[in-house]
Amino acid sequence: MDSDNETISLHSDTGSAQDSEIEALTLLGGTLIQRILDRRPYHEIEALIDSGAPLWYQDEEEGTSALHAAAYTENEHWIRALIENGATWNLVDKLGNTAGDIALSFNNAACYELIRDAGIRSELLLAHLSSNSSLESSGSTLLLKAADSSATGSTSAFLASPLEFKTDEHGQEICIVTVEKEDGGMEEVGVMMGWETPIMHETVERLCRDHPKLDSGLCILNVGFGLGIIDDLFQSLPTQPAQHVIIEPHPSVIAHMKAKGWVAKPGVRVLEGTWQDKLEEIISAGEKFDVVYTDTFSEDYAELHKFFKALPSLLADKHSRFSFFNGLGATNPTIYDTYTHVSSLHLSQVGLSIPDEAWYDVDLYDGHDQEKWGKTRKYWSEKVRFYRGCIARLAGKP
């Protein structure tokens, strides 16, 4: 009996100690945030950091972190110090803003770039470690690595979920998947939507114009059919493609393609399966392409990075061009900008050339945001007004 009492006492003491530690960290974190907002002398801020004030702490009322507070005060020195001491660059407050977004709201380029560049370094490091399988037993993950097992975050769950092709209440063609929400209700999520058409128009124009083989017929590879917007545009070129290969894994999309007559179109070859499986066949056969484009659903950035690595084996020569649907982190301006830079650096690492002029913007804001989405979940934020696309070429290959 005494032993049981001792055990209860021990658990009680341990719980009290943990509660006290949490209270102490909360007090330190809140004090650090407030002193930054009050613009207290740097030695006071430094002393709090040195004493173990948690830089990950966010206040309960607004979700403000120390890095958010430093961005509000537009203090480059504090921002740099916090980042050097391990502040998390991509924490969002209760309005969905990162510290970088706060700096953007003040048009403070210096503060913004400090935060964004910290994000770039962090994600490049994590990508490198992940590619070497060093994170398998770690709690660290890529920011844009899929974390849920639903059809929106898991390829296997997505491929097992039926898709619906329809015209919404605003007259746009959409392809949707229905998923379960956290509260147990059901929600429609757009796999591809008609409002993306201007993006596809601009992308095809830049991928194909002035290509030496445009008049004789390009060899094109597209990964991910969706609604077929970009494939329709490729087929509408002044000279139809000499070869048009489409990789599509989803049974619902394949059925839709067959119903629309795609498998019978001259010069079109539909490969039913994932690109991870089909690229190996294409590369083994020695096939090369003038234009390569990819736009998949439910895959994280790690998979896109793997696709980048295959490009030198797919592109025919220095005139060949590559692009992808850049929706990486498109619910937040700072995260979107960070991953735009990360993807550019990774493409350069595999031997592709992306000069500054290779990037282009498409204005997505037309004042009718709700008409874009209808009843579906948004996968693009109105805060990210411009779509950023790029046209990459194979550097140095004749």
Protein backbone atom coordinates (compact mmCIF):
# COMPACT_ATOMS: atom_id res chain seq x y z
CA MET A 1 0.00 0.00 0.00
CA ASP A 2 2.87 2.34 0.86
CA SER A 3 4.44 1.52 -2.50
CA ASP A 4 1.25 2.59 -4.32
CA ASN A 5 1.18 5.84 -2.39
CA GLU A 6 4.82 6.49 -3.27
CA THR A 7 4.05 5.88 -6.97
CA ILE A 8 1.11 8.29 -6.89
CA SER A 9 3.29 10.87 -5.15
CA LEU A 10 6.07 10.41 -7.70
CA HIS A 11 3.65 10.87 -10.63
CA SER A 12 2.19 13.93 -8.94
CA ASP A 13 5.62 15.44 -8.40
CA THR A 14 6.62 14.73 -12.03
CA GLY A 15 3.42 16.31 -13.33
CA SER A 16 3.91 19.37 -11.15
CA ALA A 17 7.49 19.75 -12.37
CA GLN A 18 6.36 19.56 -16.01
CA ASP A 19 3.58 22.09 -15.39
CA SER A 20 6.07 24.43 -13.75
CA GLU A 21 8.48 24.08 -16.68
CA ILE A 22 5.71 24.83 -19.19
CA GLU A 23 4.65 27.87 -17.19
CA ALA A 24 8.24 29.11 -17.05
CA LEU A 25 8.75 28.67 -20.80
CA THR A 26 5.43 30.37 -21.53
CA LEU A 27 6.40 33.32 -19.35
CA LEU A 28 9.83 33.59 -21.01
CA GLY A 29 8.35 33.34 -24.51
CA GLY A 30 5.67 35.93 -23.81
CA THR A 31 8.17 38.27 -22.19
CA LEU A 32 10.49 38.01 -25.19
CA ILE A 33 7.68 38.86 -27.61
CA GLN A 34 6.54 41.82 -25.55
CA ARG A 35 10.04 43.26 -25.11
CA ILE A 36 10.64 43.04 -28.85
CA LEU A 37 7.35 44.83 -29.51
CA ASP A 38 8.32 47.44 -26.89
CA ARG A 39 11.63 47.91 -28.71
CA ARG A 40 13.65 47.27 -25.55
CA PRO A 41 17.48 47.44 -25.75
CA TYR A 42 19.13 44.54 -27.53
CA HIS A 43 21.00 43.33 -24.45
CA GLU A 44 17.62 42.61 -22.81
CA ILE A 45 16.49 40.60 -25.83
CA GLU A 46 19.80 38.76 -25.95
CA ALA A 47 19.60 37.93 -22.24
CA LEU A 48 16.14 36.39 -22.69
CA ILE A 49 17.33 34.29 -25.64
CA ASP A 50 20.38 33.15 -23.67
CA SER A 51 18.17 32.21 -20.72
CA GLY A 52 16.24 29.79 -22.94
CA ALA A 53 13.19 31.79 -24.04
CA PRO A 54 11.47 29.50 -26.58
CA LEU A 55 11.63 31.05 -30.04
CA TRP A 56 8.86 28.71 -31.21
CA TYR A 57 6.40 30.12 -28.67
CA GLN A 58 3.29 31.89 -30.03
CA ASP A 59 0.92 33.84 -27.84
CA GLU A 60 -2.57 32.43 -27.45
CA GLU A 61 -4.45 35.56 -28.47
CA GLU A 62 -2.99 36.30 -31.91
CA GLY A 63 -0.45 33.55 -32.55
CA THR A 64 2.41 36.07 -32.60
CA SER A 65 5.93 34.64 -32.30
CA ALA A 66 9.17 36.46 -31.50
CA LEU A 67 9.98 36.53 -35.22
CA HIS A 68 6.56 38.03 -35.99
CA ALA A 69 7.24 40.68 -33.33
CA ALA A 70 10.64 41.51 -34.84
CA ALA A 71 8.99 41.86 -38.26
CA TYR A 72 6.40 44.23 -36.78
CA THR A 73 9.20 46.42 -35.42
CA GLU A 74 11.10 46.17 -38.76
CA ASN A 75 14.30 45.44 -36.86
CA GLU A 76 16.80 43.63 -39.11
CA HIS A 77 19.22 43.02 -36.24
CA TRP A 78 16.63 41.22 -34.13
CA ILE A 79 15.36 39.22 -37.11
CA ARG A 80 18.88 38.07 -37.93
CA ALA A 81 19.62 37.20 -34.30
CA LEU A 82 16.41 35.23 -33.88
CA ILE A 83 17.00 33.26 -37.08
CA GLU A 84 20.61 32.53 -36.08
CA ASN A 85 19.33 31.21 -32.77
CA GLY A 86 16.84 28.87 -34.40
CA ALA A 87 13.60 30.83 -34.84
CA THR A 88 11.15 29.00 -37.12
CA TRP A 89 10.70 30.99 -40.34
CA ASN A 90 7.33 29.58 -41.40
CA LEU A 91 5.17 29.83 -38.27
CA VAL A 92 1.78 31.35 -39.10
CA ASP A 93 -0.28 33.50 -36.76
CA LYS A 94 -4.04 33.23 -36.33
CA LEU A 95 -4.58 35.32 -39.47
CA GLY A 96 -2.44 32.92 -41.49
CA ASN A 97 0.53 35.30 -41.78
CA THR A 98 4.19 34.35 -41.44
CA ALA A 99 6.75 36.85 -40.17
CA GLY A 100 7.76 37.30 -43.81
CA ASP A 101 4.20 38.32 -44.68
CA ILE A 102 4.35 40.95 -41.93
CA ALA A 103 7.57 42.34 -43.41
CA LEU A 104 5.94 42.37 -46.85
CA SER A 105 2.99 44.35 -45.49
CA PHE A 106 5.46 47.08 -44.49
CA ASN A 107 7.20 46.89 -47.90
CA ASN A 108 10.40 46.16 -45.99
CA ALA A 109 12.45 44.19 -48.51
CA ALA A 110 15.49 43.79 -46.26
CA CYS A 111 13.54 42.20 -43.39
CA TYR A 112 11.49 40.08 -45.78
CA GLU A 113 14.53 38.71 -47.58
CA LEU A 114 16.21 37.78 -44.30
CA ILE A 115 13.21 35.62 -43.41
CA ARG A 116 12.64 34.19 -46.89
CA ASP A 117 16.32 33.34 -47.33
CA ALA A 118 16.27 31.54 -43.98
CA GLY A 119 13.40 29.49 -45.37
CA ILE A 120 15.33 28.71 -48.54
CA ARG A 121 18.37 27.53 -46.57
CA SER A 122 16.21 25.45 -44.25
CA GLU A 123 14.27 23.71 -47.02
CA LEU A 124 17.37 23.05 -49.14
CA LEU A 125 19.05 21.45 -46.14
CA LEU A 126 16.02 19.31 -45.34
CA ALA A 127 15.70 18.27 -48.99
CA HIS A 128 19.36 17.25 -49.03
CA LEU A 129 19.07 15.27 -45.81
CA SER A 130 15.85 13.66 -46.99
CA SER A 131 17.41 12.58 -50.29
CA ASN A 132 20.15 10.85 -48.28
CA SER A 133 17.53 9.07 -46.13
CA SER A 134 18.86 10.82 -43.05
CA LEU A 135 15.44 11.92 -41.85
CA GLU A 136 13.74 8.55 -41.64
CA SER A 137 14.05 8.43 -37.87
CA SER A 138 13.84 12.17 -37.35
CA GLY A 139 10.90 14.37 -36.50
CA SER A 140 11.99 16.84 -39.18
CA THR A 141 10.11 16.88 -42.47
CA LEU A 142 9.99 19.01 -45.56
CA LEU A 143 7.51 21.82 -45.16
CA LEU A 144 5.59 20.74 -48.24
CA LYS A 145 5.79 17.04 -47.55
CA ALA A 146 2.34 15.49 -47.46
CA ALA A 147 1.30 14.97 -43.83
CA ASP A 148 -2.22 13.58 -44.19
CA SER A 149 -3.52 10.27 -45.47
CA SER A 150 -6.55 11.67 -47.31
CA ALA A 151 -6.88 11.96 -51.09
CA THR A 152 -5.37 15.44 -50.94
CA GLY A 153 -2.16 14.32 -49.24
CA SER A 154 -1.68 10.68 -50.20
CA THR A 155 -1.20 9.45 -53.77
CA SER A 156 -2.51 5.99 -52.97
CA ALA A 157 -5.64 7.41 -51.31
CA PHE A 158 -6.14 9.80 -54.24
CA LEU A 159 -5.88 7.04 -56.84
CA ALA A 160 -8.40 4.97 -54.89
CA SER A 161 -10.91 7.87 -54.68
CA PRO A 162 -13.46 8.45 -57.46
CA LEU A 163 -13.32 11.81 -59.23
CA GLU A 164 -16.25 13.79 -60.60
CA PHE A 165 -16.13 15.90 -63.76
CA LYS A 166 -18.83 18.57 -63.90
CA THR A 167 -19.69 22.19 -64.61
CA ASP A 168 -20.12 24.24 -61.43
CA GLU A 169 -22.73 26.89 -60.65
CA HIS A 170 -20.50 29.58 -62.22
CA GLY A 171 -20.19 27.75 -65.54
CA GLN A 172 -16.60 26.55 -65.25
CA GLU A 173 -15.57 22.96 -65.86
CA ILE A 174 -14.09 21.34 -62.76
CA CYS A 175 -12.69 18.00 -61.65
CA ILE A 176 -13.24 17.31 -57.96
CA VAL A 177 -12.52 14.72 -55.29
CA THR A 178 -14.61 14.47 -52.13
CA VAL A 179 -12.72 14.06 -48.84
CA GLU A 180 -13.65 13.82 -45.19
CA LYS A 181 -13.02 16.90 -43.05
CA GLU A 182 -11.64 16.84 -39.51
CA ASP A 183 -15.14 17.34 -38.11
CA GLY A 184 -16.39 14.26 -39.96
CA GLY A 185 -18.23 16.19 -42.68
CA MET A 186 -17.48 15.87 -46.39
CA GLU A 187 -15.80 18.48 -48.57
CA GLU A 188 -15.20 18.90 -52.31
CA VAL A 189 -11.64 19.67 -53.35
CA GLY A 190 -10.75 20.80 -56.85
CA VAL A 191 -8.24 18.53 -58.58
CA MET A 192 -8.25 20.92 -61.53
CA MET A 193 -10.50 23.88 -62.26
CA GLY A 194 -11.36 25.97 -65.28
CA TRP A 195 -9.92 29.19 -63.83
CA GLU A 196 -6.42 27.73 -64.39
CA THR A 197 -6.86 28.13 -68.17
CA PRO A 198 -5.01 31.52 -68.43
CA ILE A 199 -2.03 29.93 -66.66
CA MET A 200 -2.00 27.09 -69.16
CA HIS A 201 -2.34 29.48 -72.14
CA GLU A 202 0.70 31.48 -71.00
CA THR A 203 2.69 28.33 -70.23
CA VAL A 204 2.09 26.73 -73.63
CA GLU A 205 2.89 29.99 -75.41
CA ARG A 206 6.25 30.23 -73.63
CA LEU A 207 7.08 26.54 -73.92
CA CYS A 208 6.51 26.42 -77.67
CA ARG A 209 7.10 29.81 -79.27
CA ASP A 210 10.22 30.16 -81.41
CA HIS A 211 11.09 26.49 -80.95
CA PRO A 212 13.02 25.29 -84.03
CA LYS A 213 10.73 22.26 -84.37
CA LEU A 214 7.43 24.09 -83.87
CA ASP A 215 6.57 24.08 -87.59
CA SER A 216 7.51 20.43 -88.13
CA GLY A 217 5.80 19.17 -84.96
CA LEU A 218 7.08 18.98 -81.39
CA CYS A 219 7.59 15.89 -79.29
CA ILE A 220 5.71 16.61 -76.07
CA LEU A 221 5.46 14.82 -72.72
CA ASN A 222 2.76 15.86 -70.24
CA VAL A 223 2.36 14.28 -66.81
CA GLY A 224 -1.13 14.62 -65.35
CA PHE A 225 -4.13 15.14 -67.65
CA GLY A 226 -6.67 16.63 -65.20
CA LEU A 227 -9.26 18.46 -67.27
CA GLY A 228 -7.03 18.25 -70.34
CA ILE A 229 -6.64 22.03 -70.57
CA ILE A 230 -2.95 22.04 -71.41
CA ASP A 231 -3.22 18.99 -73.66
CA ASP A 232 -6.01 20.70 -75.67
CA LEU A 233 -3.70 23.67 -76.10
CA PHE A 234 -0.82 21.46 -77.24
CA GLN A 235 -3.14 19.84 -79.79
CA SER A 236 -4.23 23.31 -80.99
CA LEU A 237 -0.69 24.40 -81.98
CA PRO A 238 -0.39 25.54 -85.64
CA THR A 239 1.30 22.20 -86.35
CA GLN A 240 0.02 19.32 -84.28
CA PRO A 241 2.67 17.59 -82.14
CA ALA A 242 4.63 14.88 -83.92
CA GLN A 243 4.37 12.92 -80.69
CA HIS A 244 2.20 13.72 -77.67
CA VAL A 245 2.71 11.41 -74.69
CA ILE A 246 0.41 11.76 -71.66
CA ILE A 247 1.06 9.93 -68.39
CA GLU A 248 -2.06 9.61 -66.25
CA PRO A 249 -2.54 7.25 -63.27
CA HIS A 250 -6.09 7.93 -62.10
CA PRO A 251 -8.81 5.49 -63.30
CA SER A 252 -11.50 8.21 -63.34
CA VAL A 253 -9.37 10.50 -65.48
CA ILE A 254 -8.45 7.67 -67.86
CA ALA A 255 -12.14 6.82 -68.27
CA HIS A 256 -12.84 10.52 -68.96
CA MET A 257 -10.04 10.64 -71.54
CA LYS A 258 -11.41 7.57 -73.32
CA ALA A 259 -14.92 9.06 -73.35
CA LYS A 260 -13.49 12.23 -74.93
CA GLY A 261 -11.63 10.26 -77.60
CA TRP A 262 -8.11 11.05 -76.46
CA VAL A 263 -6.74 7.54 -76.84
CA ALA A 264 -7.73 7.56 -80.54
CA LYS A 265 -6.18 10.94 -81.43
CA PRO A 266 -3.38 10.74 -84.04
CA GLY A 267 0.05 11.10 -82.47
CA VAL A 268 -1.28 10.81 -78.91
CA ARG A 269 -0.06 8.02 -76.64
CA VAL A 270 -1.66 7.63 -73.22
CA LEU A 271 0.42 5.78 -70.64
CA GLU A 272 -1.79 4.51 -67.83
CA GLY A 273 0.16 4.57 -64.58
CA THR A 274 2.24 6.79 -62.33
CA TRP A 275 5.13 8.78 -63.72
CA GLN A 276 7.39 7.01 -61.23
CA ASP A 277 6.68 3.77 -63.12
CA LYS A 278 6.36 5.08 -66.67
CA LEU A 279 9.41 7.35 -66.81
CA GLU A 280 11.66 4.36 -66.36
CA GLU A 281 10.11 2.76 -69.46
CA ILE A 282 10.46 5.98 -71.47
CA ILE A 283 14.07 6.57 -70.48
CA SER A 284 15.01 2.91 -71.09
CA ALA A 285 13.55 3.19 -74.59
CA GLY A 286 15.70 6.26 -75.26
CA GLU A 287 12.76 8.58 -75.95
CA LYS A 288 13.51 12.33 -75.88
CA PHE A 289 11.19 15.34 -75.85
CA ASP A 290 11.18 18.94 -77.01
CA VAL A 291 8.68 19.97 -74.32
CA VAL A 292 8.04 18.42 -70.89
CA TYR A 293 5.34 19.58 -68.48
CA THR A 294 4.09 18.15 -65.19
CA ASP A 295 1.07 18.93 -63.02
CA THR A 296 0.23 16.18 -60.56
CA PHE A 297 -2.16 16.07 -57.60
CA SER A 298 -1.58 14.96 -53.99
CA GLU A 299 2.20 14.69 -54.43
CA ASP A 300 4.54 16.64 -52.17
CA TYR A 301 7.61 18.64 -53.13
CA ALA A 302 9.92 15.67 -52.53
CA GLU A 303 8.28 13.89 -55.48
CA LEU A 304 8.57 16.94 -57.72
CA HIS A 305 12.24 17.15 -56.80
CA LYS A 306 12.66 13.52 -57.92
CA PHE A 307 10.99 14.40 -61.23
CA PHE A 308 13.49 17.24 -61.73
CA LYS A 309 16.33 14.73 -61.50
CA ALA A 310 14.93 12.77 -64.47
CA LEU A 311 14.80 15.81 -66.79
CA PRO A 312 18.33 15.54 -68.25
CA SER A 313 17.34 12.06 -69.51
CA LEU A 314 14.06 13.31 -71.01
CA LEU A 315 14.97 16.58 -72.75
CA ALA A 316 16.29 16.22 -76.30
CA ASP A 317 18.69 19.16 -76.63
CA LYS A 318 19.43 22.76 -75.66
CA HIS A 319 16.21 23.91 -77.36
CA SER A 320 14.06 21.62 -75.20
CA ARG A 321 11.95 23.25 -72.51
CA PHE A 322 10.40 22.25 -69.20
CA SER A 323 7.75 23.75 -66.94
CA PHE A 324 5.54 22.64 -64.08
CA PHE A 325 2.40 23.88 -62.36
CA ASN A 326 3.85 26.00 -59.56
CA GLY A 327 1.28 25.69 -56.80
CA LEU A 328 3.88 25.08 -54.10
CA GLY A 329 2.75 26.75 -50.86
CA ALA A 330 0.25 28.90 -52.74
CA THR A 331 -1.83 29.58 -49.64
CA ASN A 332 0.86 31.92 -48.25
CA PRO A 333 3.00 34.57 -50.03
CA THR A 334 6.25 33.96 -48.16
CA ILE A 335 6.06 30.17 -48.42
CA TYR A 336 5.15 30.45 -52.11
CA ASP A 337 8.14 32.72 -52.79
CA THR A 338 10.43 30.46 -50.78
CA TYR A 339 9.48 27.35 -52.72
CA THR A 340 9.70 29.20 -56.02
CA HIS A 341 13.35 29.91 -55.19
CA VAL A 342 13.96 26.37 -53.86
CA SER A 343 12.59 24.80 -57.05
CA SER A 344 14.71 27.15 -59.19
CA LEU A 345 17.87 26.15 -57.30
CA HIS A 346 17.04 22.45 -57.56
CA LEU A 347 16.46 22.74 -61.32
CA SER A 348 19.83 24.45 -61.67
CA GLN A 349 21.46 21.64 -59.68
CA VAL A 350 20.29 19.03 -62.21
CA GLY A 351 21.68 21.04 -65.12
CA LEU A 352 18.80 23.23 -66.27
CA SER A 353 19.16 26.91 -67.04
CA ILE A 354 16.65 29.35 -65.55
CA PRO A 355 17.70 32.98 -66.08
CA ASP A 356 15.65 35.65 -64.33
CA GLU A 357 13.71 36.36 -67.52
CA ALA A 358 12.59 32.72 -67.62
CA TRP A 359 10.15 33.48 -64.79
CA TYR A 360 6.79 35.00 -65.64
CA ASP A 361 3.69 36.13 -63.75
CA VAL A 362 0.02 35.54 -64.42
CA ASP A 363 -2.36 37.85 -62.54
CA LEU A 364 -4.98 35.63 -60.92
CA TYR A 365 -7.03 38.35 -59.26
CA ASP A 366 -10.16 39.39 -61.11
CA GLY A 367 -12.38 40.45 -58.19
CA HIS A 368 -14.48 37.27 -58.46
CA ASP A 369 -12.61 34.95 -56.13
CA GLN A 370 -15.66 33.02 -54.93
CA GLU A 371 -16.67 32.27 -58.52
CA LYS A 372 -13.30 30.55 -58.97
CA TRP A 373 -13.88 28.19 -56.09
CA GLY A 374 -17.64 27.72 -55.87
CA LYS A 375 -18.23 25.25 -53.05
CA THR A 376 -14.77 23.66 -53.20
CA ARG A 377 -11.87 24.09 -50.78
CA LYS A 378 -9.39 26.74 -51.86
CA TYR A 379 -5.93 25.54 -52.82
CA TRP A 380 -4.77 29.05 -53.77
CA SER A 381 -4.94 32.14 -51.55
CA GLU A 382 -6.03 35.55 -52.78
CA LYS A 383 -2.97 36.80 -50.86
CA VAL A 384 -0.88 35.17 -53.60
CA ARG A 385 -2.12 37.35 -56.43
CA PHE A 386 0.36 36.31 -59.09
CA TYR A 387 1.07 32.81 -60.36
CA ARG A 388 4.83 32.41 -60.87
CA GLY A 389 5.80 30.14 -63.71
CA CYS A 390 9.15 29.33 -65.29
CA ILE A 391 10.50 27.91 -68.51
CA ALA A 392 13.68 25.93 -67.89
CA ARG A 393 16.07 24.74 -70.59
CA LEU A 394 18.81 22.14 -70.61
CA ALA A 395 22.05 24.05 -70.10
CA GLY A 396 25.04 23.32 -72.27
CA LYS A 397 23.60 20.36 -74.20
CA PRO A 398 23.94 20.68 -78.04
